[in-house]
Amino acid sequence: MKKQINTIYYYNHNFKSFIDDTISVNFDEQRQILLKYLCPGAHILDLGCGAGRDSKAFIEKGFKVTALDGSSELCKVASEYIGQEVKCITFDELDEHNKFDAVWACASLLHVPMNELPSVFERIEEALKPKGYLYASFKYGDFEGERKGRYFTNMTEERLKQLLDTFEGLKIVEIVLTSDVRPGRENEYWLNTVIKKEA
Protein backbone atom coordinates (compact mmCIF):
# COMPACT_ATOMS: atom_id res chain seq x y z
CA MET A 1 0.00 0.00 0.00
CA LYS A 2 2.93 2.36 0.74
CA LYS A 3 3.99 2.12 -2.91
CA GLN A 4 0.50 3.18 -4.02
CA ILE A 5 0.60 6.13 -1.58
CA ASN A 6 3.91 7.31 -3.06
CA THR A 7 2.44 7.08 -6.57
CA ILE A 8 -0.69 9.00 -5.57
CA TYR A 9 1.54 11.66 -3.98
CA TYR A 10 3.35 11.95 -7.32
CA TYR A 11 0.10 12.51 -9.24
CA ASN A 12 -1.25 14.99 -6.70
CA HIS A 13 1.90 17.10 -7.06
CA ASN A 14 2.50 16.66 -10.80
CA PHE A 15 -1.06 16.56 -12.11
CA LYS A 16 -0.67 19.60 -14.36
CA SER A 17 2.26 18.15 -16.31
CA PHE A 18 0.54 14.75 -16.43
CA ILE A 19 -2.58 16.32 -17.93
CA ASP A 20 -0.53 18.26 -20.48
CA ASP A 21 1.19 15.02 -21.48
CA THR A 22 -1.93 12.86 -21.88
CA ILE A 23 -5.20 14.77 -22.31
CA SER A 24 -4.92 15.49 -26.05
CA VAL A 25 -3.45 12.16 -27.12
CA ASN A 26 -5.44 10.43 -29.89
CA PHE A 27 -6.43 7.16 -28.22
CA ASP A 28 -9.34 6.04 -30.40
CA GLU A 29 -7.55 2.94 -31.70
CA GLN A 30 -6.73 1.70 -28.20
CA ARG A 31 -10.25 2.34 -26.91
CA GLN A 32 -11.62 0.28 -29.78
CA ILE A 33 -9.72 -2.76 -28.45
CA LEU A 34 -12.41 -2.89 -25.73
CA LEU A 35 -15.39 -1.16 -27.33
CA LYS A 36 -15.79 -3.71 -30.13
CA TYR A 37 -16.91 -6.21 -27.49
CA LEU A 38 -19.58 -3.98 -25.92
CA CYS A 39 -23.22 -3.28 -26.69
CA PRO A 40 -24.39 0.33 -27.17
CA GLY A 41 -24.98 2.08 -23.86
CA ALA A 42 -22.94 -0.41 -21.81
CA HIS A 43 -21.83 0.67 -18.33
CA ILE A 44 -18.05 1.18 -18.17
CA LEU A 45 -15.98 1.64 -15.02
CA ASP A 46 -12.97 3.85 -15.81
CA LEU A 47 -10.64 2.58 -13.09
CA GLY A 48 -7.84 5.11 -12.65
CA CYS A 49 -9.34 7.65 -15.01
CA GLY A 50 -6.61 10.28 -14.71
CA ALA A 51 -7.79 13.57 -16.19
CA GLY A 52 -10.88 11.93 -17.72
CA ARG A 53 -9.76 11.71 -21.35
CA ASP A 54 -11.21 8.25 -21.97
CA SER A 55 -14.29 8.72 -19.78
CA LYS A 56 -15.23 11.77 -21.86
CA ALA A 57 -14.77 9.81 -25.10
CA PHE A 58 -16.94 6.95 -23.80
CA ILE A 59 -19.68 9.34 -22.68
CA GLU A 60 -19.66 11.06 -26.08
CA LYS A 61 -20.13 7.64 -27.71
CA GLY A 62 -23.25 7.03 -25.61
CA PHE A 63 -21.84 4.74 -22.93
CA LYS A 64 -22.68 5.06 -19.24
CA VAL A 65 -19.50 5.80 -17.29
CA THR A 66 -18.45 5.57 -13.66
CA ALA A 67 -15.02 7.13 -13.19
CA LEU A 68 -12.66 6.61 -10.25
CA ASP A 69 -9.11 7.69 -9.43
CA GLY A 70 -6.82 7.61 -6.41
CA SER A 71 -5.50 11.16 -6.93
CA SER A 72 -7.72 13.82 -5.40
CA GLU A 73 -6.27 16.49 -7.71
CA LEU A 74 -6.95 14.46 -10.84
CA CYS A 75 -10.47 13.69 -9.59
CA LYS A 76 -11.19 17.45 -9.38
CA VAL A 77 -9.96 18.03 -12.92
CA ALA A 78 -11.70 14.96 -14.34
CA SER A 79 -15.02 15.78 -12.63
CA GLU A 80 -15.08 19.16 -14.36
CA TYR A 81 -13.83 17.77 -17.66
CA ILE A 82 -16.44 15.00 -18.01
CA GLY A 83 -19.29 16.85 -16.31
CA GLN A 84 -19.96 14.33 -13.55
CA GLU A 85 -18.48 13.41 -10.19
CA VAL A 86 -15.32 11.33 -10.18
CA LYS A 87 -14.98 9.44 -6.91
CA CYS A 88 -11.56 9.40 -5.23
CA ILE A 89 -10.76 5.83 -4.15
CA THR A 90 -7.81 3.47 -4.48
CA PHE A 91 -7.96 0.09 -6.21
CA ASP A 92 -8.11 -1.79 -2.92
CA GLU A 93 -11.21 0.24 -1.96
CA LEU A 94 -13.23 -0.88 -4.99
CA ASP A 95 -16.30 -2.61 -3.56
CA GLU A 96 -18.98 -3.29 -6.18
CA HIS A 97 -20.92 -6.43 -7.10
CA ASN A 98 -22.00 -7.40 -10.66
CA LYS A 99 -22.37 -3.74 -11.61
CA PHE A 100 -20.34 -3.05 -14.76
CA ASP A 101 -20.41 -4.38 -18.30
CA ALA A 102 -16.75 -3.45 -18.65
CA VAL A 103 -13.79 -2.11 -16.69
CA TRP A 104 -11.32 0.18 -18.46
CA ALA A 105 -7.97 0.19 -16.63
CA CYS A 106 -5.72 2.13 -18.99
CA ALA A 107 -2.16 2.56 -17.65
CA SER A 108 -3.48 2.38 -14.10
CA LEU A 109 -3.05 -1.17 -12.77
CA LEU A 110 0.62 -0.91 -13.79
CA HIS A 111 1.12 1.06 -10.55
CA VAL A 112 0.10 -1.95 -8.41
CA PRO A 113 2.93 -4.24 -7.18
CA MET A 114 2.79 -7.71 -8.76
CA ASN A 115 2.09 -9.41 -5.43
CA GLU A 116 -0.94 -7.15 -4.87
CA LEU A 117 -2.44 -7.51 -8.36
CA PRO A 118 -4.33 -10.76 -7.57
CA SER A 119 -6.41 -9.06 -4.86
CA VAL A 120 -7.15 -6.12 -7.18
CA PHE A 121 -8.19 -8.52 -9.95
CA GLU A 122 -10.52 -10.23 -7.46
CA ARG A 123 -12.22 -6.90 -6.79
CA ILE A 124 -12.51 -6.20 -10.52
CA GLU A 125 -13.96 -9.66 -11.16
CA GLU A 126 -16.52 -9.06 -8.43
CA ALA A 127 -17.44 -5.66 -9.87
CA LEU A 128 -18.01 -7.02 -13.39
CA LYS A 129 -21.32 -8.45 -14.53
CA PRO A 130 -21.23 -12.02 -15.86
CA LYS A 131 -19.78 -11.99 -19.40
CA GLY A 132 -18.27 -8.57 -18.67
CA TYR A 133 -14.89 -7.42 -19.99
CA LEU A 134 -11.76 -5.95 -18.47
CA TYR A 135 -9.32 -3.91 -20.55
CA ALA A 136 -5.94 -3.33 -18.93
CA SER A 137 -2.71 -1.90 -20.28
CA PHE A 138 0.81 -2.17 -18.91
CA LYS A 139 4.23 -1.03 -20.04
CA TYR A 140 5.78 -4.03 -21.79
CA GLY A 141 8.58 -5.92 -20.07
CA ASP A 142 9.72 -7.49 -16.80
CA PHE A 143 10.65 -4.39 -14.80
CA GLU A 144 9.10 -3.85 -11.38
CA GLY A 145 10.04 -1.01 -9.06
CA GLU A 146 9.99 2.72 -8.53
CA ARG A 147 10.90 5.18 -11.27
CA LYS A 148 10.92 8.93 -10.68
CA GLY A 149 8.45 8.79 -7.80
CA ARG A 150 6.00 6.26 -9.23
CA TYR A 151 5.85 2.48 -8.81
CA PHE A 152 5.60 0.43 -12.01
CA THR A 153 4.82 -3.22 -12.68
CA ASN A 154 5.56 -4.02 -16.32
CA MET A 155 3.87 -6.98 -17.98
CA THR A 156 4.62 -9.60 -20.62
CA GLU A 157 2.30 -12.21 -22.09
CA GLU A 158 3.80 -14.87 -19.83
CA ARG A 159 3.57 -12.79 -16.65
CA LEU A 160 -0.07 -11.99 -17.45
CA LYS A 161 -0.93 -15.66 -18.01
CA GLN A 162 0.73 -16.62 -14.73
CA LEU A 163 -1.20 -13.88 -12.92
CA LEU A 164 -4.51 -15.19 -14.24
CA ASP A 165 -3.76 -18.89 -13.68
CA THR A 166 -5.53 -18.78 -10.32
CA PHE A 167 -8.70 -17.16 -11.73
CA GLU A 168 -11.02 -19.83 -13.09
CA GLY A 169 -13.63 -17.23 -14.05
CA LEU A 170 -11.36 -14.88 -16.01
CA LYS A 171 -10.18 -15.66 -19.53
CA ILE A 172 -7.79 -13.69 -21.74
CA VAL A 173 -9.53 -13.09 -25.05
CA GLU A 174 -7.03 -10.73 -26.67
CA ILE A 175 -3.52 -9.39 -26.23
CA VAL A 176 -2.31 -6.52 -28.41
CA LEU A 177 1.13 -4.91 -28.35
CA THR A 178 1.16 -1.22 -29.29
CA SER A 179 3.75 1.54 -29.35
CA ASP A 180 3.36 4.60 -27.15
CA VAL A 181 1.18 7.24 -28.82
CA ARG A 182 2.94 10.20 -27.19
CA PRO A 183 5.43 12.10 -29.37
CA GLY A 184 9.00 10.96 -28.87
CA ARG A 185 8.01 7.69 -27.19
CA GLU A 186 7.30 5.59 -30.27
CA ASN A 187 9.95 3.05 -29.23
CA GLU A 188 8.20 2.32 -25.91
CA TYR A 189 5.75 -0.60 -26.06
CA TRP A 190 2.55 -1.43 -24.20
CA LEU A 191 0.76 -4.69 -23.55
CA ASN A 192 -3.01 -4.23 -23.98
CA THR A 193 -5.27 -7.05 -22.90
CA VAL A 194 -8.97 -7.82 -22.91
CA ILE A 195 -10.10 -10.32 -20.26
CA LYS A 196 -13.61 -11.77 -20.03
CA LYS A 197 -15.51 -12.78 -16.91
CA GLU A 198 -16.91 -16.13 -17.93
CA ALA A 199 -19.87 -16.33 -15.57
C-alpha atoms as a PDB file:
ATOM      1  CA  MET A   1       0.000   0.000   0.000  1.00  0.00           C
ATOM      2  CA  LYS A   2       2.929   2.361   0.741  1.00  0.00           C
ATOM      3  CA  LYS A   3       3.990   2.117  -2.906  1.00  0.00           C
ATOM      4  CA  GLN A   4       0.503   3.182  -4.019  1.00  0.00           C
ATOM      5  CA  ILE A   5       0.597   6.130  -1.584  1.00  0.00           C
ATOM      6  CA  ASN A   6       3.907   7.312  -3.064  1.00  0.00           C
ATOM      7  CA  THR A   7       2.441   7.076  -6.569  1.00  0.00           C
ATOM      8  CA  ILE A   8      -0.693   8.996  -5.567  1.00  0.00           C
ATOM      9  CA  TYR A   9       1.543  11.657  -3.978  1.00  0.00           C
ATOM     10  CA  TYR A  10       3.348  11.955  -7.317  1.00  0.00           C
ATOM     11  CA  TYR A  11       0.100  12.509  -9.239  1.00  0.00           C
ATOM     12  CA  ASN A  12      -1.249  14.988  -6.699  1.00  0.00           C
ATOM     13  CA  HIS A  13       1.902  17.096  -7.060  1.00  0.00           C
ATOM     14  CA  ASN A  14       2.499  16.656 -10.798  1.00  0.00           C
ATOM     15  CA  PHE A  15      -1.060  16.564 -12.108  1.00  0.00           C
ATOM     16  CA  LYS A  16      -0.672  19.604 -14.361  1.00  0.00           C
ATOM     17  CA  SER A  17       2.263  18.154 -16.315  1.00  0.00           C
ATOM     18  CA  PHE A  18       0.541  14.751 -16.433  1.00  0.00           C
ATOM     19  CA  ILE A  19      -2.583  16.319 -17.925  1.00  0.00           C
ATOM     20  CA  ASP A  20      -0.534  18.263 -20.476  1.00  0.00           C
ATOM     21  CA  ASP A  21       1.192  15.019 -21.479  1.00  0.00           C
ATOM     22  CA  THR A  22      -1.932  12.863 -21.877  1.00  0.00           C
ATOM     23  CA  ILE A  23      -5.202  14.772 -22.305  1.00  0.00           C
ATOM     24  CA  SER A  24      -4.918  15.492 -26.046  1.00  0.00           C
ATOM     25  CA  VAL A  25      -3.447  12.165 -27.124  1.00  0.00           C
ATOM     26  CA  ASN A  26      -5.443  10.427 -29.889  1.00  0.00           C
ATOM     27  CA  PHE A  27      -6.429   7.163 -28.217  1.00  0.00           C
ATOM     28  CA  ASP A  28      -9.340   6.037 -30.398  1.00  0.00           C
ATOM     29  CA  GLU A  29      -7.553   2.941 -31.696  1.00  0.00           C
ATOM     30  CA  GLN A  30      -6.727   1.699 -28.202  1.00  0.00           C
ATOM     31  CA  ARG A  31     -10.251   2.339 -26.914  1.00  0.00           C
ATOM     32  CA  GLN A  32     -11.619   0.276 -29.780  1.00  0.00           C
ATOM     33  CA  ILE A  33      -9.721  -2.763 -28.455  1.00  0.00           C
ATOM     34  CA  LEU A  34     -12.405  -2.890 -25.730  1.00  0.00           C
ATOM     35  CA  LEU A  35     -15.388  -1.158 -27.328  1.00  0.00           C
ATOM     36  CA  LYS A  36     -15.788  -3.706 -30.133  1.00  0.00           C
ATOM     37  CA  TYR A  37     -16.914  -6.215 -27.489  1.00  0.00           C
ATOM     38  CA  LEU A  38     -19.581  -3.978 -25.920  1.00  0.00           C
ATOM     39  CA  CYS A  39     -23.219  -3.280 -26.686  1.00  0.00           C
ATOM     40  CA  PRO A  40     -24.393   0.325 -27.167  1.00  0.00           C
ATOM     41  CA  GLY A  41     -24.984   2.084 -23.860  1.00  0.00           C
ATOM     42  CA  ALA A  42     -22.940  -0.410 -21.814  1.00  0.00           C
ATOM     43  CA  HIS A  43     -21.835   0.669 -18.327  1.00  0.00           C
ATOM     44  CA  ILE A  44     -18.046   1.181 -18.174  1.00  0.00           C
ATOM     45  CA  LEU A  45     -15.982   1.644 -15.017  1.00  0.00           C
ATOM     46  CA  ASP A  46     -12.973   3.850 -15.810  1.00  0.00           C
ATOM     47  CA  LEU A  47     -10.643   2.584 -13.091  1.00  0.00           C
ATOM     48  CA  GLY A  48      -7.844   5.108 -12.646  1.00  0.00           C
ATOM     49  CA  CYS A  49      -9.342   7.655 -15.008  1.00  0.00           C
ATOM     50  CA  GLY A  50      -6.607  10.280 -14.707  1.00  0.00           C
ATOM     51  CA  ALA A  51      -7.792  13.572 -16.186  1.00  0.00           C
ATOM     52  CA  GLY A  52     -10.877  11.928 -17.717  1.00  0.00           C
ATOM     53  CA  ARG A  53      -9.759  11.710 -21.354  1.00  0.00           C
ATOM     54  CA  ASP A  54     -11.213   8.247 -21.969  1.00  0.00           C
ATOM     55  CA  SER A  55     -14.289   8.723 -19.783  1.00  0.00           C
ATOM     56  CA  LYS A  56     -15.226  11.772 -21.864  1.00  0.00           C
ATOM     57  CA  ALA A  57     -14.766   9.808 -25.098  1.00  0.00           C
ATOM     58  CA  PHE A  58     -16.935   6.949 -23.804  1.00  0.00           C
ATOM     59  CA  ILE A  59     -19.684   9.337 -22.682  1.00  0.00           C
ATOM     60  CA  GLU A  60     -19.660  11.057 -26.077  1.00  0.00           C
ATOM     61  CA  LYS A  61     -20.127   7.642 -27.706  1.00  0.00           C
ATOM     62  CA  GLY A  62     -23.252   7.027 -25.611  1.00  0.00           C
ATOM     63  CA  PHE A  63     -21.836   4.745 -22.930  1.00  0.00           C
ATOM     64  CA  LYS A  64     -22.682   5.063 -19.237  1.00  0.00           C
ATOM     65  CA  VAL A  65     -19.497   5.796 -17.292  1.00  0.00           C
ATOM     66  CA  THR A  66     -18.454   5.570 -13.664  1.00  0.00           C
ATOM     67  CA  ALA A  67     -15.016   7.126 -13.188  1.00  0.00           C
ATOM     68  CA  LEU A  68     -12.658   6.613 -10.249  1.00  0.00           C
ATOM     69  CA  ASP A  69      -9.115   7.687  -9.429  1.00  0.00           C
ATOM     70  CA  GLY A  70      -6.821   7.613  -6.413  1.00  0.00           C
ATOM     71  CA  SER A  71      -5.503  11.157  -6.930  1.00  0.00           C
ATOM     72  CA  SER A  72      -7.724  13.824  -5.397  1.00  0.00           C
ATOM     73  CA  GLU A  73      -6.268  16.495  -7.707  1.00  0.00           C
ATOM     74  CA  LEU A  74      -6.952  14.459 -10.845  1.00  0.00           C
ATOM     75  CA  CYS A  75     -10.470  13.694  -9.587  1.00  0.00           C
ATOM     76  CA  LYS A  76     -11.188  17.446  -9.376  1.00  0.00           C
ATOM     77  CA  VAL A  77      -9.958  18.029 -12.920  1.00  0.00           C
ATOM     78  CA  ALA A  78     -11.704  14.958 -14.342  1.00  0.00           C
ATOM     79  CA  SER A  79     -15.023  15.777 -12.632  1.00  0.00           C
ATOM     80  CA  GLU A  80     -15.083  19.160 -14.361  1.00  0.00           C
ATOM     81  CA  TYR A  81     -13.832  17.769 -17.664  1.00  0.00           C
ATOM     82  CA  ILE A  82     -16.439  15.002 -18.015  1.00  0.00           C
ATOM     83  CA  GLY A  83     -19.291  16.849 -16.312  1.00  0.00           C
ATOM     84  CA  GLN A  84     -19.963  14.330 -13.553  1.00  0.00           C
ATOM     85  CA  GLU A  85     -18.480  13.414 -10.186  1.00  0.00           C
ATOM     86  CA  VAL A  86     -15.319  11.327 -10.182  1.00  0.00           C
ATOM     87  CA  LYS A  87     -14.977   9.444  -6.907  1.00  0.00           C
ATOM     88  CA  CYS A  88     -11.564   9.405  -5.226  1.00  0.00           C
ATOM     89  CA  ILE A  89     -10.764   5.833  -4.148  1.00  0.00           C
ATOM     90  CA  THR A  90      -7.815   3.473  -4.482  1.00  0.00           C
ATOM     91  CA  PHE A  91      -7.958   0.087  -6.212  1.00  0.00           C
ATOM     92  CA  ASP A  92      -8.112  -1.786  -2.920  1.00  0.00           C
ATOM     93  CA  GLU A  93     -11.207   0.244  -1.959  1.00  0.00           C
ATOM     94  CA  LEU A  94     -13.235  -0.880  -4.992  1.00  0.00           C
ATOM     95  CA  ASP A  95     -16.303  -2.612  -3.562  1.00  0.00           C
ATOM     96  CA  GLU A  96     -18.981  -3.293  -6.185  1.00  0.00           C
ATOM     97  CA  HIS A  97     -20.919  -6.434  -7.099  1.00  0.00           C
ATOM     98  CA  ASN A  98     -22.003  -7.402 -10.659  1.00  0.00           C
ATOM     99  CA  LYS A  99     -22.371  -3.736 -11.607  1.00  0.00           C
ATOM    100  CA  PHE A 100     -20.340  -3.049 -14.756  1.00  0.00           C
ATOM    101  CA  ASP A 101     -20.407  -4.378 -18.304  1.00  0.00           C
ATOM    102  CA  ALA A 102     -16.747  -3.446 -18.646  1.00  0.00           C
ATOM    103  CA  VAL A 103     -13.791  -2.110 -16.691  1.00  0.00           C
ATOM    104  CA  TRP A 104     -11.323   0.181 -18.455  1.00  0.00           C
ATOM    105  CA  ALA A 105      -7.965   0.189 -16.626  1.00  0.00           C
ATOM    106  CA  CYS A 106      -5.717   2.126 -18.987  1.00  0.00           C
ATOM    107  CA  ALA A 107      -2.164   2.557 -17.655  1.00  0.00           C
ATOM    108  CA  SER A 108      -3.477   2.381 -14.101  1.00  0.00           C
ATOM    109  CA  LEU A 109      -3.050  -1.168 -12.774  1.00  0.00           C
ATOM    110  CA  LEU A 110       0.615  -0.912 -13.786  1.00  0.00           C
ATOM    111  CA  HIS A 111       1.119   1.061 -10.555  1.00  0.00           C
ATOM    112  CA  VAL A 112       0.104  -1.945  -8.406  1.00  0.00           C
ATOM    113  CA  PRO A 113       2.926  -4.236  -7.179  1.00  0.00           C
ATOM    114  CA  MET A 114       2.794  -7.705  -8.757  1.00  0.00           C
ATOM    115  CA  ASN A 115       2.094  -9.412  -5.429  1.00  0.00           C
ATOM    116  CA  GLU A 116      -0.940  -7.147  -4.871  1.00  0.00           C
ATOM    117  CA  LEU A 117      -2.441  -7.506  -8.361  1.00  0.00           C
ATOM    118  CA  PRO A 118      -4.332 -10.762  -7.568  1.00  0.00           C
ATOM    119  CA  SER A 119      -6.413  -9.061  -4.858  1.00  0.00           C
ATOM    120  CA  VAL A 120      -7.146  -6.120  -7.185  1.00  0.00           C
ATOM    121  CA  PHE A 121      -8.189  -8.518  -9.952  1.00  0.00           C
ATOM    122  CA  GLU A 122     -10.516 -10.233  -7.455  1.00  0.00           C
ATOM    123  CA  ARG A 123     -12.217  -6.895  -6.792  1.00  0.00           C
ATOM    124  CA  ILE A 124     -12.514  -6.201 -10.518  1.00  0.00           C
ATOM    125  CA  GLU A 125     -13.960  -9.660 -11.164  1.00  0.00           C
ATOM    126  CA  GLU A 126     -16.524  -9.063  -8.431  1.00  0.00           C
ATOM    127  CA  ALA A 127     -17.442  -5.656  -9.872  1.00  0.00           C
ATOM    128  CA  LEU A 128     -18.011  -7.025 -13.391  1.00  0.00           C
ATOM    129  CA  LYS A 129     -21.316  -8.453 -14.527  1.00  0.00           C
ATOM    130  CA  PRO A 130     -21.232 -12.025 -15.859  1.00  0.00           C
ATOM    131  CA  LYS A 131     -19.778 -11.989 -19.402  1.00  0.00           C
ATOM    132  CA  GLY A 132     -18.271  -8.566 -18.670  1.00  0.00           C
ATOM    133  CA  TYR A 133     -14.894  -7.424 -19.989  1.00  0.00           C
ATOM    134  CA  LEU A 134     -11.763  -5.948 -18.471  1.00  0.00           C
ATOM    135  CA  TYR A 135      -9.322  -3.912 -20.551  1.00  0.00           C
ATOM    136  CA  ALA A 136      -5.936  -3.328 -18.927  1.00  0.00           C
ATOM    137  CA  SER A 137      -2.705  -1.899 -20.283  1.00  0.00           C
ATOM    138  CA  PHE A 138       0.812  -2.167 -18.910  1.00  0.00           C
ATOM    139  CA  LYS A 139       4.228  -1.028 -20.041  1.00  0.00           C
ATOM    140  CA  TYR A 140       5.778  -4.030 -21.794  1.00  0.00           C
ATOM    141  CA  GLY A 141       8.583  -5.918 -20.073  1.00  0.00           C
ATOM    142  CA  ASP A 142       9.718  -7.489 -16.803  1.00  0.00           C
ATOM    143  CA  PHE A 143      10.651  -4.394 -14.799  1.00  0.00           C
ATOM    144  CA  GLU A 144       9.103  -3.852 -11.380  1.00  0.00           C
ATOM    145  CA  GLY A 145      10.035  -1.014  -9.064  1.00  0.00           C
ATOM    146  CA  GLU A 146       9.988   2.723  -8.532  1.00  0.00           C
ATOM    147  CA  ARG A 147      10.898   5.178 -11.271  1.00  0.00           C
ATOM    148  CA  LYS A 148      10.919   8.925 -10.676  1.00  0.00           C
ATOM    149  CA  GLY A 149       8.448   8.794  -7.804  1.00  0.00           C
ATOM    150  CA  ARG A 150       6.004   6.258  -9.235  1.00  0.00           C
ATOM    151  CA  TYR A 151       5.845   2.485  -8.812  1.00  0.00           C
ATOM    152  CA  PHE A 152       5.597   0.426 -12.007  1.00  0.00           C
ATOM    153  CA  THR A 153       4.824  -3.215 -12.684  1.00  0.00           C
ATOM    154  CA  ASN A 154       5.557  -4.019 -16.318  1.00  0.00           C
ATOM    155  CA  MET A 155       3.875  -6.978 -17.984  1.00  0.00           C
ATOM    156  CA  THR A 156       4.621  -9.600 -20.616  1.00  0.00           C
ATOM    157  CA  GLU A 157       2.303 -12.210 -22.095  1.00  0.00           C
ATOM    158  CA  GLU A 158       3.804 -14.872 -19.826  1.00  0.00           C
ATOM    159  CA  ARG A 159       3.571 -12.791 -16.653  1.00  0.00           C
ATOM    160  CA  LEU A 160      -0.066 -11.995 -17.454  1.00  0.00           C
ATOM    161  CA  LYS A 161      -0.931 -15.657 -18.006  1.00  0.00           C
ATOM    162  CA  GLN A 162       0.733 -16.616 -14.732  1.00  0.00           C
ATOM    163  CA  LEU A 163      -1.198 -13.877 -12.919  1.00  0.00           C
ATOM    164  CA  LEU A 164      -4.515 -15.195 -14.237  1.00  0.00           C
ATOM    165  CA  ASP A 165      -3.759 -18.891 -13.685  1.00  0.00           C
ATOM    166  CA  THR A 166      -5.533 -18.785 -10.320  1.00  0.00           C
ATOM    167  CA  PHE A 167      -8.696 -17.164 -11.735  1.00  0.00           C
ATOM    168  CA  GLU A 168     -11.022 -19.833 -13.094  1.00  0.00           C
ATOM    169  CA  GLY A 169     -13.634 -17.235 -14.049  1.00  0.00           C
ATOM    170  CA  LEU A 170     -11.358 -14.884 -16.006  1.00  0.00           C
ATOM    171  CA  LYS A 171     -10.178 -15.661 -19.532  1.00  0.00           C
ATOM    172  CA  ILE A 172      -7.794 -13.694 -21.742  1.00  0.00           C
ATOM    173  CA  VAL A 173      -9.534 -13.087 -25.053  1.00  0.00           C
ATOM    174  CA  GLU A 174      -7.034 -10.729 -26.673  1.00  0.00           C
ATOM    175  CA  ILE A 175      -3.515  -9.386 -26.235  1.00  0.00           C
ATOM    176  CA  VAL A 176      -2.309  -6.517 -28.412  1.00  0.00           C
ATOM    177  CA  LEU A 177       1.134  -4.909 -28.352  1.00  0.00           C
ATOM    178  CA  THR A 178       1.157  -1.220 -29.288  1.00  0.00           C
ATOM    179  CA  SER A 179       3.749   1.536 -29.351  1.00  0.00           C
ATOM    180  CA  ASP A 180       3.361   4.603 -27.146  1.00  0.00           C
ATOM    181  CA  VAL A 181       1.180   7.239 -28.821  1.00  0.00           C
ATOM    182  CA  ARG A 182       2.939  10.199 -27.185  1.00  0.00           C
ATOM    183  CA  PRO A 183       5.430  12.102 -29.366  1.00  0.00           C
ATOM    184  CA  GLY A 184       9.002  10.959 -28.866  1.00  0.00           C
ATOM    185  CA  ARG A 185       8.015   7.687 -27.188  1.00  0.00           C
ATOM    186  CA  GLU A 186       7.299   5.594 -30.274  1.00  0.00           C
ATOM    187  CA  ASN A 187       9.955   3.054 -29.229  1.00  0.00           C
ATOM    188  CA  GLU A 188       8.197   2.322 -25.908  1.00  0.00           C
ATOM    189  CA  TYR A 189       5.755  -0.595 -26.061  1.00  0.00           C
ATOM    190  CA  TRP A 190       2.550  -1.430 -24.202  1.00  0.00           C
ATOM    191  CA  LEU A 191       0.756  -4.694 -23.545  1.00  0.00           C
ATOM    192  CA  ASN A 192      -3.010  -4.226 -23.983  1.00  0.00           C
ATOM    193  CA  THR A 193      -5.265  -7.050 -22.903  1.00  0.00           C
ATOM    194  CA  VAL A 194      -8.975  -7.822 -22.909  1.00  0.00           C
ATOM    195  CA  ILE A 195     -10.101 -10.316 -20.263  1.00  0.00           C
ATOM    196  CA  LYS A 196     -13.608 -11.768 -20.034  1.00  0.00           C
ATOM    197  CA  LYS A 197     -15.506 -12.779 -16.907  1.00  0.00           C
ATOM    198  CA  GLU A 198     -16.907 -16.135 -17.933  1.00  0.00           C
ATOM    199  CA  ALA A 199     -19.869 -16.327 -15.574  1.00  0.00           C
END
